[in-house]
Every structure is written in structure tokens, then in C-alpha cells.
Amino acid sequence: MSARIVLASGNAGKLREFRDLLADSDFEVIGQDELGIETAAEPHYTFLENALAKARHASSRSGLPALADDSGLCVPALGGDPGVRSARFAGADATDVANNAELLRRLQRGHDRSAHYVCVLVALRAPDDPEPLVADGRWHGSILHEARGSGGFGYDPLFLVPTHGRSAAELVPQEKNRISHRGIALRELKQRLQSWR
């Protein structure tokens, strides 16, 4: 029988990816929206602190184990931005289209278009779990001059995957999950979850 674990995110794209990535595990991933849990604040400067805060919030509100990720795109030429503000780079209620436009605007003058996605995952048995499971992953690439592809979400249409010569939005989901920052981090976390219960 599968154990329920709450994903501390309201992002439909992330929920889809986590369900795909954990499909062969002993866990049934429930989105926090399905339980009426509001989005947690993300006031911190690091991916780790934000992931911990989100996992604790979802676990506290649901009474269930929780899984949270904080992830984003880091561009060295922009001092690491958008970073932890990736989802709101163009403003508090920014859309993916607006965030992508802001990224291209800020990179207009620069030549260094290297970038990497970062994902930090945290799993908690309870809000006060003294031993949270933590895993992370990085996915290196560069920023295209214009969007390509219709898959994925976030900055995927602008993120060139050098090993494939395509944007992340041009990869099929199974291909993306195999090589992405989230896929890397989740495979690491899945190994630890096997002995968790």
C-alpha cells in the first residue's frame, strides 16, 4: 500500500513531474492544493531554507509527511539571478512568459549566457522532524536568444541543453526527467526514502 506524501507546491508542472518521477515508488504524491493548503512564504535567501519552510508548512497543515523543492535558474552573468526569485523574477504575480522576457532583457548586453538550474529537495516525516532528508541537483546549460519548444514550464523554452542541442522545452518529459536538476535530486532522494518508513 502506498504512503501519502504531500508535495508542497501549487505548480501543476512540478506536481506532474514528481508524480512521474515517483510513479514506481511506495509513495502517492498529493498536491497541497488538493488538500486546501495555501502556499507558504518563501522569504529566505537560499534554496535549502525555502524548501525546509515549505515542507514544514505543508506537513503542519496536512498532518502528513511532506516533500518540498525549491528550485530555480541561476545565471552567473546576473550575479546568480533569478535564483530563489525565479518564479517571480518579473514581479510578484509574474507569468512564465513575463519572467522569460525579463531574463532576455537583462542578458541583452552580455556575452556570457551560461546558466544552470538548481533543485533542492526536502522530505519530512512531520513538521518537527529533526532529520529531514535533503538532496540536490544541478543541470548546466545556457540561455538561448529566443524561446524554443512548447513543453516543460518556467525557463525551459530558453534553456539550451548542450548535450542534446535542444531547449528543455523541446525534450519529451521522460527525457527531461532523466537528465534534469529535479530528476537528479529526486533519484538521490528516492534511494534514501526506501529506508525512511
N, C-alpha and C. Protein backbone atom coordinates (compact mmCIF):
# COMPACT_ATOMS: atom_id res chain seq x y z
N MET A 1 0.83 -1.18 0.00
CA MET A 1 0.00 0.00 0.00
C MET A 1 0.88 1.25 0.00
N SER A 2 0.52 2.23 -0.83
CA SER A 2 1.30 3.45 -0.94
C SER A 2 1.07 4.37 0.26
N ALA A 3 2.13 5.03 0.67
CA ALA A 3 2.03 6.05 1.72
C ALA A 3 1.81 7.39 1.04
N ARG A 4 0.96 8.21 1.61
CA ARG A 4 0.71 9.52 1.02
C ARG A 4 1.79 10.49 1.48
N ILE A 5 2.23 11.31 0.55
CA ILE A 5 3.19 12.37 0.87
C ILE A 5 2.72 13.63 0.14
N VAL A 6 2.69 14.74 0.85
CA VAL A 6 2.19 15.99 0.29
C VAL A 6 3.32 16.73 -0.41
N LEU A 7 3.08 17.13 -1.65
CA LEU A 7 4.03 17.98 -2.36
C LEU A 7 3.70 19.42 -2.02
N ALA A 8 4.65 20.11 -1.43
CA ALA A 8 4.45 21.49 -1.00
C ALA A 8 4.63 22.44 -2.18
N SER A 9 3.70 22.36 -3.12
CA SER A 9 3.75 23.24 -4.29
C SER A 9 2.36 23.31 -4.91
N GLY A 10 2.06 24.45 -5.48
CA GLY A 10 0.83 24.61 -6.22
C GLY A 10 1.09 24.61 -7.72
N ASN A 11 2.33 24.33 -8.11
CA ASN A 11 2.72 24.36 -9.51
C ASN A 11 2.34 23.04 -10.18
N ALA A 12 1.41 23.11 -11.13
CA ALA A 12 0.91 21.90 -11.80
C ALA A 12 2.01 21.16 -12.55
N GLY A 13 2.96 21.91 -13.13
CA GLY A 13 4.07 21.28 -13.84
C GLY A 13 4.95 20.47 -12.92
N LYS A 14 5.23 21.02 -11.74
CA LYS A 14 6.05 20.30 -10.75
C LYS A 14 5.32 19.06 -10.25
N LEU A 15 4.03 19.20 -9.98
CA LEU A 15 3.25 18.05 -9.49
C LEU A 15 3.29 16.91 -10.51
N ARG A 16 3.13 17.25 -11.78
CA ARG A 16 3.18 16.25 -12.85
C ARG A 16 4.55 15.55 -12.86
N GLU A 17 5.62 16.36 -12.77
CA GLU A 17 6.97 15.79 -12.79
C GLU A 17 7.21 14.88 -11.60
N PHE A 18 6.80 15.30 -10.41
CA PHE A 18 7.02 14.48 -9.22
C PHE A 18 6.21 13.19 -9.28
N ARG A 19 4.99 13.27 -9.76
CA ARG A 19 4.19 12.05 -9.90
C ARG A 19 4.84 11.08 -10.88
N ASP A 20 5.37 11.61 -11.98
CA ASP A 20 6.06 10.76 -12.96
C ASP A 20 7.31 10.14 -12.34
N LEU A 21 8.09 10.97 -11.66
CA LEU A 21 9.37 10.51 -11.11
C LEU A 21 9.20 9.54 -9.95
N LEU A 22 8.08 9.62 -9.23
CA LEU A 22 7.84 8.72 -8.09
C LEU A 22 6.81 7.64 -8.40
N ALA A 23 6.46 7.50 -9.67
CA ALA A 23 5.43 6.53 -10.07
C ALA A 23 5.78 5.10 -9.66
N ASP A 24 7.05 4.76 -9.63
CA ASP A 24 7.47 3.39 -9.29
C ASP A 24 7.88 3.24 -7.83
N SER A 25 7.53 4.22 -7.01
CA SER A 25 7.90 4.18 -5.59
C SER A 25 6.71 3.76 -4.74
N ASP A 26 6.90 3.72 -3.42
CA ASP A 26 5.83 3.38 -2.48
C ASP A 26 5.04 4.60 -2.03
N PHE A 27 5.22 5.73 -2.73
CA PHE A 27 4.58 6.97 -2.30
C PHE A 27 3.57 7.47 -3.31
N GLU A 28 2.42 7.89 -2.80
CA GLU A 28 1.40 8.56 -3.60
C GLU A 28 1.55 10.04 -3.34
N VAL A 29 1.87 10.80 -4.39
CA VAL A 29 2.11 12.23 -4.24
C VAL A 29 0.79 12.98 -4.35
N ILE A 30 0.48 13.75 -3.30
CA ILE A 30 -0.74 14.56 -3.24
C ILE A 30 -0.31 16.03 -3.30
N GLY A 31 -0.88 16.79 -4.20
CA GLY A 31 -0.58 18.22 -4.27
C GLY A 31 -1.22 18.95 -3.10
N GLN A 32 -0.54 19.93 -2.55
CA GLN A 32 -1.10 20.66 -1.40
C GLN A 32 -2.41 21.36 -1.75
N ASP A 33 -2.58 21.76 -3.00
CA ASP A 33 -3.84 22.39 -3.41
C ASP A 33 -5.03 21.44 -3.25
N GLU A 34 -4.78 20.14 -3.46
CA GLU A 34 -5.85 19.14 -3.33
C GLU A 34 -6.33 19.03 -1.89
N LEU A 35 -5.51 19.48 -0.95
CA LEU A 35 -5.87 19.43 0.47
C LEU A 35 -6.25 20.81 1.00
N GLY A 36 -6.33 21.79 0.10
CA GLY A 36 -6.70 23.14 0.51
C GLY A 36 -5.62 23.87 1.29
N ILE A 37 -4.38 23.48 1.09
CA ILE A 37 -3.26 24.13 1.81
C ILE A 37 -2.75 25.30 0.99
N GLU A 38 -2.69 26.45 1.64
CA GLU A 38 -2.22 27.65 0.96
C GLU A 38 -0.70 27.61 0.77
N THR A 39 -0.23 28.38 -0.18
CA THR A 39 1.19 28.44 -0.49
C THR A 39 1.95 29.08 0.68
N ALA A 40 3.09 28.49 1.01
CA ALA A 40 3.93 29.03 2.08
C ALA A 40 4.75 30.21 1.58
N ALA A 41 5.11 31.09 2.49
CA ALA A 41 6.00 32.19 2.16
C ALA A 41 7.40 31.63 1.86
N GLU A 42 8.12 32.32 0.99
CA GLU A 42 9.49 31.93 0.66
C GLU A 42 10.41 33.14 0.86
N PRO A 43 10.63 33.52 2.11
CA PRO A 43 11.37 34.74 2.38
C PRO A 43 12.89 34.59 2.42
N HIS A 44 13.37 33.38 2.27
CA HIS A 44 14.79 33.12 2.52
C HIS A 44 15.67 33.34 1.30
N TYR A 45 16.97 33.42 1.56
CA TYR A 45 17.94 33.70 0.51
C TYR A 45 18.51 32.45 -0.14
N THR A 46 18.21 31.27 0.42
CA THR A 46 18.76 30.05 -0.14
C THR A 46 17.65 29.07 -0.51
N PHE A 47 17.94 28.21 -1.48
CA PHE A 47 17.00 27.18 -1.89
C PHE A 47 16.70 26.24 -0.72
N LEU A 48 17.73 25.90 0.06
CA LEU A 48 17.55 24.96 1.17
C LEU A 48 16.58 25.51 2.22
N GLU A 49 16.77 26.75 2.63
CA GLU A 49 15.89 27.32 3.66
C GLU A 49 14.44 27.40 3.17
N ASN A 50 14.25 27.79 1.92
CA ASN A 50 12.89 27.87 1.38
C ASN A 50 12.25 26.49 1.28
N ALA A 51 13.01 25.48 0.85
CA ALA A 51 12.46 24.13 0.76
C ALA A 51 12.05 23.61 2.13
N LEU A 52 12.88 23.84 3.13
CA LEU A 52 12.54 23.43 4.51
C LEU A 52 11.27 24.12 5.00
N ALA A 53 11.18 25.42 4.75
CA ALA A 53 10.00 26.17 5.20
C ALA A 53 8.73 25.64 4.53
N LYS A 54 8.81 25.35 3.24
CA LYS A 54 7.63 24.86 2.51
C LYS A 54 7.23 23.47 2.98
N ALA A 55 8.22 22.60 3.20
CA ALA A 55 7.91 21.24 3.66
C ALA A 55 7.28 21.27 5.05
N ARG A 56 7.81 22.08 5.95
CA ARG A 56 7.25 22.18 7.30
C ARG A 56 5.83 22.71 7.27
N HIS A 57 5.59 23.69 6.43
CA HIS A 57 4.26 24.29 6.30
C HIS A 57 3.25 23.23 5.82
N ALA A 58 3.60 22.50 4.75
CA ALA A 58 2.67 21.50 4.20
C ALA A 58 2.43 20.35 5.17
N SER A 59 3.47 19.92 5.87
CA SER A 59 3.33 18.84 6.83
C SER A 59 2.47 19.27 8.02
N SER A 60 2.70 20.49 8.48
CA SER A 60 1.94 21.03 9.62
C SER A 60 0.46 21.14 9.28
N ARG A 61 0.14 21.63 8.08
CA ARG A 61 -1.26 21.83 7.69
C ARG A 61 -1.97 20.52 7.36
N SER A 62 -1.22 19.50 6.89
CA SER A 62 -1.85 18.27 6.43
C SER A 62 -1.79 17.13 7.45
N GLY A 63 -0.82 17.18 8.37
CA GLY A 63 -0.60 16.06 9.29
C GLY A 63 0.04 14.86 8.61
N LEU A 64 0.59 15.08 7.41
CA LEU A 64 1.21 14.01 6.63
C LEU A 64 2.70 14.31 6.41
N PRO A 65 3.47 13.31 5.99
CA PRO A 65 4.82 13.60 5.54
C PRO A 65 4.75 14.57 4.36
N ALA A 66 5.80 15.35 4.18
CA ALA A 66 5.78 16.34 3.09
C ALA A 66 7.09 16.33 2.33
N LEU A 67 6.96 16.69 1.09
CA LEU A 67 8.10 16.81 0.18
C LEU A 67 8.04 18.20 -0.44
N ALA A 68 9.15 18.90 -0.40
CA ALA A 68 9.20 20.24 -1.00
C ALA A 68 10.44 20.38 -1.83
N ASP A 69 10.32 21.16 -2.87
CA ASP A 69 11.52 21.51 -3.61
C ASP A 69 11.56 23.01 -3.73
N ASP A 70 12.74 23.53 -3.71
CA ASP A 70 12.91 24.91 -4.12
C ASP A 70 13.93 24.84 -5.24
N SER A 71 13.55 25.39 -6.35
CA SER A 71 14.42 25.29 -7.50
C SER A 71 14.36 26.58 -8.28
N GLY A 72 15.33 26.75 -9.12
CA GLY A 72 15.35 27.95 -9.93
C GLY A 72 16.53 27.95 -10.87
N LEU A 73 16.58 29.00 -11.65
CA LEU A 73 17.62 29.18 -12.64
C LEU A 73 18.64 30.18 -12.12
N CYS A 74 19.91 29.85 -12.20
CA CYS A 74 20.98 30.74 -11.78
C CYS A 74 21.84 31.11 -12.99
N VAL A 75 22.01 32.40 -13.19
CA VAL A 75 22.79 32.90 -14.32
C VAL A 75 23.97 33.69 -13.76
N PRO A 76 25.20 33.17 -13.89
CA PRO A 76 26.36 33.86 -13.33
C PRO A 76 26.50 35.31 -13.79
N ALA A 77 26.18 35.60 -15.06
CA ALA A 77 26.32 36.96 -15.57
C ALA A 77 25.37 37.94 -14.87
N LEU A 78 24.34 37.41 -14.21
CA LEU A 78 23.39 38.25 -13.48
C LEU A 78 23.58 38.12 -11.98
N GLY A 79 24.78 37.70 -11.56
CA GLY A 79 25.06 37.57 -10.13
C GLY A 79 24.29 36.44 -9.48
N GLY A 80 23.88 35.44 -10.27
CA GLY A 80 23.12 34.31 -9.73
C GLY A 80 21.62 34.45 -9.88
N ASP A 81 21.15 35.62 -10.30
CA ASP A 81 19.71 35.80 -10.54
C ASP A 81 19.29 34.97 -11.74
N PRO A 82 18.03 34.62 -11.83
CA PRO A 82 16.93 34.89 -10.92
C PRO A 82 17.00 34.13 -9.59
N GLY A 83 17.71 33.00 -9.53
CA GLY A 83 17.91 32.28 -8.27
C GLY A 83 16.62 31.92 -7.57
N VAL A 84 16.57 32.20 -6.25
CA VAL A 84 15.39 31.82 -5.47
C VAL A 84 14.15 32.64 -5.87
N ARG A 85 14.35 33.69 -6.66
CA ARG A 85 13.21 34.51 -7.13
C ARG A 85 12.79 34.12 -8.55
N SER A 86 13.16 32.93 -8.99
CA SER A 86 12.90 32.53 -10.38
C SER A 86 11.43 32.63 -10.77
N ALA A 87 10.53 32.24 -9.88
CA ALA A 87 9.10 32.25 -10.21
C ALA A 87 8.52 33.66 -10.19
N ARG A 88 9.20 34.61 -9.59
CA ARG A 88 8.69 35.98 -9.50
C ARG A 88 9.74 37.00 -9.95
N PHE A 89 10.55 36.61 -10.92
CA PHE A 89 11.64 37.46 -11.41
C PHE A 89 11.13 38.77 -11.99
N ALA A 90 9.99 38.72 -12.68
CA ALA A 90 9.43 39.91 -13.31
C ALA A 90 8.36 40.57 -12.42
N GLY A 91 8.21 40.11 -11.19
CA GLY A 91 7.23 40.68 -10.28
C GLY A 91 6.50 39.61 -9.50
N ALA A 92 5.77 40.02 -8.48
CA ALA A 92 5.13 39.08 -7.54
C ALA A 92 4.20 38.08 -8.22
N ASP A 93 3.43 38.51 -9.20
CA ASP A 93 2.48 37.61 -9.87
C ASP A 93 2.89 37.34 -11.31
N ALA A 94 4.18 37.30 -11.57
CA ALA A 94 4.68 37.15 -12.94
C ALA A 94 4.32 35.80 -13.54
N THR A 95 4.09 35.80 -14.84
CA THR A 95 3.87 34.56 -15.59
C THR A 95 5.21 34.07 -16.12
N ASP A 96 5.22 32.83 -16.60
CA ASP A 96 6.44 32.30 -17.22
C ASP A 96 6.88 33.18 -18.38
N VAL A 97 5.93 33.64 -19.18
CA VAL A 97 6.25 34.49 -20.34
C VAL A 97 6.93 35.78 -19.88
N ALA A 98 6.40 36.40 -18.83
CA ALA A 98 6.98 37.65 -18.32
C ALA A 98 8.37 37.41 -17.74
N ASN A 99 8.55 36.32 -17.01
CA ASN A 99 9.87 36.00 -16.45
C ASN A 99 10.90 35.75 -17.54
N ASN A 100 10.49 35.04 -18.58
CA ASN A 100 11.41 34.79 -19.70
C ASN A 100 11.79 36.08 -20.41
N ALA A 101 10.82 36.97 -20.59
CA ALA A 101 11.09 38.26 -21.24
C ALA A 101 12.05 39.08 -20.40
N GLU A 102 11.88 39.05 -19.08
CA GLU A 102 12.77 39.80 -18.18
C GLU A 102 14.19 39.24 -18.24
N LEU A 103 14.31 37.93 -18.29
CA LEU A 103 15.63 37.31 -18.39
C LEU A 103 16.33 37.73 -19.68
N LEU A 104 15.63 37.68 -20.80
CA LEU A 104 16.22 38.10 -22.07
C LEU A 104 16.60 39.57 -22.06
N ARG A 105 15.76 40.39 -21.45
CA ARG A 105 16.04 41.83 -21.37
C ARG A 105 17.34 42.08 -20.62
N ARG A 106 17.51 41.38 -19.49
CA ARG A 106 18.71 41.61 -18.67
C ARG A 106 19.98 41.04 -19.29
N LEU A 107 19.83 40.09 -20.20
CA LEU A 107 21.00 39.49 -20.84
C LEU A 107 21.34 40.14 -22.18
N GLN A 108 20.63 41.18 -22.57
CA GLN A 108 20.83 41.80 -23.88
C GLN A 108 22.27 42.21 -24.15
N ARG A 109 22.93 42.79 -23.17
CA ARG A 109 24.26 43.36 -23.38
C ARG A 109 25.40 42.38 -23.11
N GLY A 110 25.11 41.29 -22.43
CA GLY A 110 26.18 40.39 -22.03
C GLY A 110 26.47 39.30 -23.04
N HIS A 111 27.68 38.76 -22.98
CA HIS A 111 28.08 37.68 -23.86
C HIS A 111 28.04 36.33 -23.16
N ASP A 112 28.19 36.35 -21.84
CA ASP A 112 28.17 35.09 -21.08
C ASP A 112 26.72 34.69 -20.84
N ARG A 113 26.28 33.64 -21.50
CA ARG A 113 24.90 33.19 -21.37
C ARG A 113 24.82 31.85 -20.66
N SER A 114 25.92 31.46 -19.98
CA SER A 114 25.90 30.20 -19.24
C SER A 114 24.88 30.30 -18.10
N ALA A 115 24.29 29.16 -17.77
CA ALA A 115 23.27 29.12 -16.72
C ALA A 115 23.16 27.71 -16.20
N HIS A 116 22.57 27.58 -15.05
CA HIS A 116 22.27 26.24 -14.53
C HIS A 116 21.01 26.30 -13.67
N TYR A 117 20.26 25.22 -13.76
CA TYR A 117 19.12 25.04 -12.88
C TYR A 117 19.63 24.39 -11.59
N VAL A 118 19.01 24.75 -10.47
CA VAL A 118 19.31 24.16 -9.16
C VAL A 118 18.00 23.63 -8.59
N CYS A 119 18.05 22.47 -7.97
CA CYS A 119 16.90 21.92 -7.25
C CYS A 119 17.37 21.40 -5.91
N VAL A 120 16.74 21.85 -4.84
CA VAL A 120 16.98 21.31 -3.50
C VAL A 120 15.66 20.70 -3.03
N LEU A 121 15.72 19.42 -2.68
CA LEU A 121 14.54 18.70 -2.19
C LEU A 121 14.67 18.43 -0.71
N VAL A 122 13.55 18.54 -0.02
CA VAL A 122 13.50 18.23 1.41
C VAL A 122 12.27 17.35 1.66
N ALA A 123 12.47 16.25 2.38
CA ALA A 123 11.35 15.40 2.80
C ALA A 123 11.34 15.33 4.32
N LEU A 124 10.15 15.50 4.89
CA LEU A 124 9.97 15.47 6.35
C LEU A 124 8.88 14.46 6.71
N ARG A 125 9.09 13.75 7.81
CA ARG A 125 8.03 12.87 8.32
C ARG A 125 6.95 13.69 9.03
N ALA A 126 7.38 14.78 9.66
CA ALA A 126 6.50 15.66 10.43
C ALA A 126 7.14 17.05 10.46
N PRO A 127 6.39 18.08 10.83
CA PRO A 127 6.95 19.44 10.83
C PRO A 127 8.19 19.59 11.70
N ASP A 128 8.25 18.80 12.79
CA ASP A 128 9.39 18.92 13.72
C ASP A 128 10.41 17.80 13.52
N ASP A 129 10.41 17.15 12.37
CA ASP A 129 11.35 16.07 12.08
C ASP A 129 12.78 16.60 12.25
N PRO A 130 13.56 16.01 13.17
CA PRO A 130 14.92 16.50 13.40
C PRO A 130 15.91 16.02 12.34
N GLU A 131 15.47 15.08 11.49
CA GLU A 131 16.36 14.54 10.47
C GLU A 131 15.72 14.59 9.08
N PRO A 132 15.53 15.79 8.55
CA PRO A 132 14.95 15.88 7.21
C PRO A 132 15.89 15.26 6.18
N LEU A 133 15.30 14.65 5.17
CA LEU A 133 16.10 14.15 4.06
C LEU A 133 16.31 15.30 3.09
N VAL A 134 17.54 15.48 2.64
CA VAL A 134 17.88 16.59 1.74
C VAL A 134 18.67 16.04 0.56
N ALA A 135 18.29 16.46 -0.62
CA ALA A 135 19.03 16.09 -1.84
C ALA A 135 19.04 17.28 -2.78
N ASP A 136 20.05 17.36 -3.62
CA ASP A 136 20.07 18.45 -4.58
C ASP A 136 20.61 18.00 -5.92
N GLY A 137 20.35 18.81 -6.93
CA GLY A 137 20.81 18.52 -8.28
C GLY A 137 21.03 19.81 -9.05
N ARG A 138 21.96 19.76 -10.00
CA ARG A 138 22.25 20.89 -10.87
C ARG A 138 22.24 20.43 -12.32
N TRP A 139 21.76 21.31 -13.20
CA TRP A 139 21.65 20.99 -14.63
C TRP A 139 22.22 22.18 -15.39
N HIS A 140 23.35 21.96 -16.05
CA HIS A 140 24.08 23.05 -16.70
C HIS A 140 23.69 23.21 -18.17
N GLY A 141 23.63 24.46 -18.60
CA GLY A 141 23.29 24.77 -19.98
C GLY A 141 23.59 26.23 -20.27
N SER A 142 22.83 26.81 -21.18
CA SER A 142 22.99 28.23 -21.49
C SER A 142 21.64 28.79 -21.94
N ILE A 143 21.59 30.11 -22.01
CA ILE A 143 20.34 30.79 -22.34
C ILE A 143 20.30 31.15 -23.82
N LEU A 144 19.26 30.69 -24.50
CA LEU A 144 19.04 31.00 -25.91
C LEU A 144 18.63 32.46 -26.09
N HIS A 145 18.69 32.94 -27.33
CA HIS A 145 18.28 34.32 -27.61
C HIS A 145 16.77 34.43 -27.82
N GLU A 146 16.11 33.30 -28.06
CA GLU A 146 14.65 33.30 -28.19
C GLU A 146 14.12 31.93 -27.77
N ALA A 147 12.86 31.92 -27.38
CA ALA A 147 12.23 30.69 -26.88
C ALA A 147 12.09 29.65 -27.98
N ARG A 148 12.27 28.37 -27.57
CA ARG A 148 12.09 27.24 -28.48
C ARG A 148 11.37 26.12 -27.75
N GLY A 149 10.34 25.56 -28.38
CA GLY A 149 9.64 24.42 -27.81
C GLY A 149 8.42 24.82 -27.01
N SER A 150 7.55 23.84 -26.80
CA SER A 150 6.29 24.12 -26.09
C SER A 150 6.09 23.25 -24.86
N GLY A 151 7.06 22.41 -24.52
CA GLY A 151 6.94 21.55 -23.35
C GLY A 151 7.51 22.22 -22.11
N GLY A 152 7.47 21.49 -21.01
CA GLY A 152 8.05 21.99 -19.76
C GLY A 152 7.32 23.20 -19.22
N PHE A 153 8.03 23.98 -18.42
CA PHE A 153 7.46 25.19 -17.83
C PHE A 153 8.61 26.08 -17.38
N GLY A 154 8.29 27.25 -16.86
CA GLY A 154 9.33 28.15 -16.38
C GLY A 154 10.24 28.62 -17.51
N TYR A 155 11.53 28.49 -17.29
CA TYR A 155 12.52 28.97 -18.26
C TYR A 155 12.91 27.90 -19.29
N ASP A 156 12.22 26.78 -19.30
CA ASP A 156 12.58 25.68 -20.20
C ASP A 156 12.71 26.08 -21.68
N PRO A 157 11.84 26.96 -22.21
CA PRO A 157 11.99 27.32 -23.62
C PRO A 157 13.28 28.08 -23.94
N LEU A 158 13.90 28.67 -22.93
CA LEU A 158 15.14 29.43 -23.13
C LEU A 158 16.39 28.67 -22.71
N PHE A 159 16.21 27.53 -22.07
CA PHE A 159 17.36 26.80 -21.51
C PHE A 159 17.87 25.77 -22.51
N LEU A 160 19.04 26.05 -23.09
CA LEU A 160 19.63 25.14 -24.06
C LEU A 160 20.39 24.03 -23.34
N VAL A 161 20.05 22.80 -23.67
CA VAL A 161 20.72 21.62 -23.11
C VAL A 161 21.82 21.23 -24.09
N PRO A 162 23.09 21.52 -23.76
CA PRO A 162 24.16 21.34 -24.74
C PRO A 162 24.35 19.90 -25.20
N THR A 163 24.08 18.94 -24.33
CA THR A 163 24.26 17.54 -24.71
C THR A 163 23.24 17.08 -25.74
N HIS A 164 22.13 17.81 -25.86
CA HIS A 164 21.06 17.42 -26.77
C HIS A 164 20.84 18.42 -27.91
N GLY A 165 21.43 19.61 -27.79
CA GLY A 165 21.26 20.62 -28.82
C GLY A 165 19.84 21.14 -28.94
N ARG A 166 19.07 20.99 -27.88
CA ARG A 166 17.68 21.43 -27.85
C ARG A 166 17.41 22.19 -26.56
N SER A 167 16.31 22.94 -26.56
CA SER A 167 15.90 23.57 -25.31
C SER A 167 15.25 22.52 -24.42
N ALA A 168 15.18 22.81 -23.14
CA ALA A 168 14.50 21.90 -22.20
C ALA A 168 13.04 21.73 -22.59
N ALA A 169 12.45 22.74 -23.21
CA ALA A 169 11.05 22.68 -23.63
C ALA A 169 10.86 21.81 -24.87
N GLU A 170 11.94 21.45 -25.55
CA GLU A 170 11.86 20.59 -26.73
C GLU A 170 12.10 19.12 -26.38
N LEU A 171 12.43 18.83 -25.13
CA LEU A 171 12.64 17.45 -24.70
C LEU A 171 11.30 16.82 -24.34
N VAL A 172 11.16 15.52 -24.59
CA VAL A 172 9.96 14.83 -24.12
C VAL A 172 10.10 14.67 -22.61
N PRO A 173 8.98 14.60 -21.87
CA PRO A 173 9.05 14.57 -20.40
C PRO A 173 9.97 13.49 -19.84
N GLN A 174 9.94 12.28 -20.40
CA GLN A 174 10.79 11.20 -19.86
C GLN A 174 12.27 11.53 -20.04
N GLU A 175 12.60 12.17 -21.15
CA GLU A 175 13.98 12.56 -21.44
C GLU A 175 14.43 13.64 -20.46
N LYS A 176 13.55 14.64 -20.27
CA LYS A 176 13.87 15.73 -19.35
C LYS A 176 14.04 15.19 -17.93
N ASN A 177 13.13 14.33 -17.49
CA ASN A 177 13.19 13.80 -16.12
C ASN A 177 14.46 13.00 -15.86
N ARG A 178 15.01 12.41 -16.91
CA ARG A 178 16.21 11.61 -16.76
C ARG A 178 17.45 12.47 -16.50
N ILE A 179 17.50 13.70 -17.08
CA ILE A 179 18.72 14.50 -17.02
C ILE A 179 18.59 15.81 -16.25
N SER A 180 17.38 16.18 -15.86
CA SER A 180 17.18 17.50 -15.24
C SER A 180 17.67 17.56 -13.80
N HIS A 181 17.78 18.77 -13.31
CA HIS A 181 18.15 19.04 -11.92
C HIS A 181 17.20 18.34 -10.96
N ARG A 182 15.89 18.38 -11.27
CA ARG A 182 14.90 17.75 -10.41
C ARG A 182 15.01 16.23 -10.47
N GLY A 183 15.25 15.71 -11.66
CA GLY A 183 15.43 14.27 -11.81
C GLY A 183 16.64 13.76 -11.06
N ILE A 184 17.74 14.50 -11.15
CA ILE A 184 18.98 14.14 -10.44
C ILE A 184 18.73 14.13 -8.93
N ALA A 185 18.12 15.21 -8.42
CA ALA A 185 17.88 15.32 -6.97
C ALA A 185 16.89 14.26 -6.50
N LEU A 186 15.86 13.99 -7.29
CA LEU A 186 14.84 13.05 -6.85
C LEU A 186 15.36 11.61 -6.85
N ARG A 187 16.22 11.27 -7.79
CA ARG A 187 16.81 9.93 -7.76
C ARG A 187 17.63 9.73 -6.49
N GLU A 188 18.35 10.76 -6.10
CA GLU A 188 19.11 10.70 -4.85
C GLU A 188 18.17 10.55 -3.65
N LEU A 189 17.09 11.33 -3.65
CA LEU A 189 16.14 11.29 -2.54
C LEU A 189 15.41 9.95 -2.49
N LYS A 190 15.06 9.40 -3.65
CA LYS A 190 14.34 8.12 -3.69
C LYS A 190 15.13 7.01 -3.00
N GLN A 191 16.43 6.99 -3.18
CA GLN A 191 17.26 5.98 -2.53
C GLN A 191 17.14 6.09 -1.01
N ARG A 192 17.14 7.31 -0.51
CA ARG A 192 17.04 7.50 0.94
C ARG A 192 15.65 7.21 1.46
N LEU A 193 14.62 7.49 0.65
CA LEU A 193 13.24 7.24 1.08
C LEU A 193 12.94 5.75 1.26
N GLN A 194 13.69 4.89 0.60
CA GLN A 194 13.45 3.45 0.70
C GLN A 194 13.58 2.94 2.14
N SER A 195 14.44 3.56 2.91
CA SER A 195 14.62 3.13 4.30
C SER A 195 13.97 4.10 5.30
N TRP A 196 13.13 4.97 4.77
CA TRP A 196 12.58 6.05 5.60
C TRP A 196 11.47 5.58 6.50
N ARG A 197 10.58 4.68 6.00
CA ARG A 197 9.39 4.32 6.77
C ARG A 197 9.65 3.14 7.67
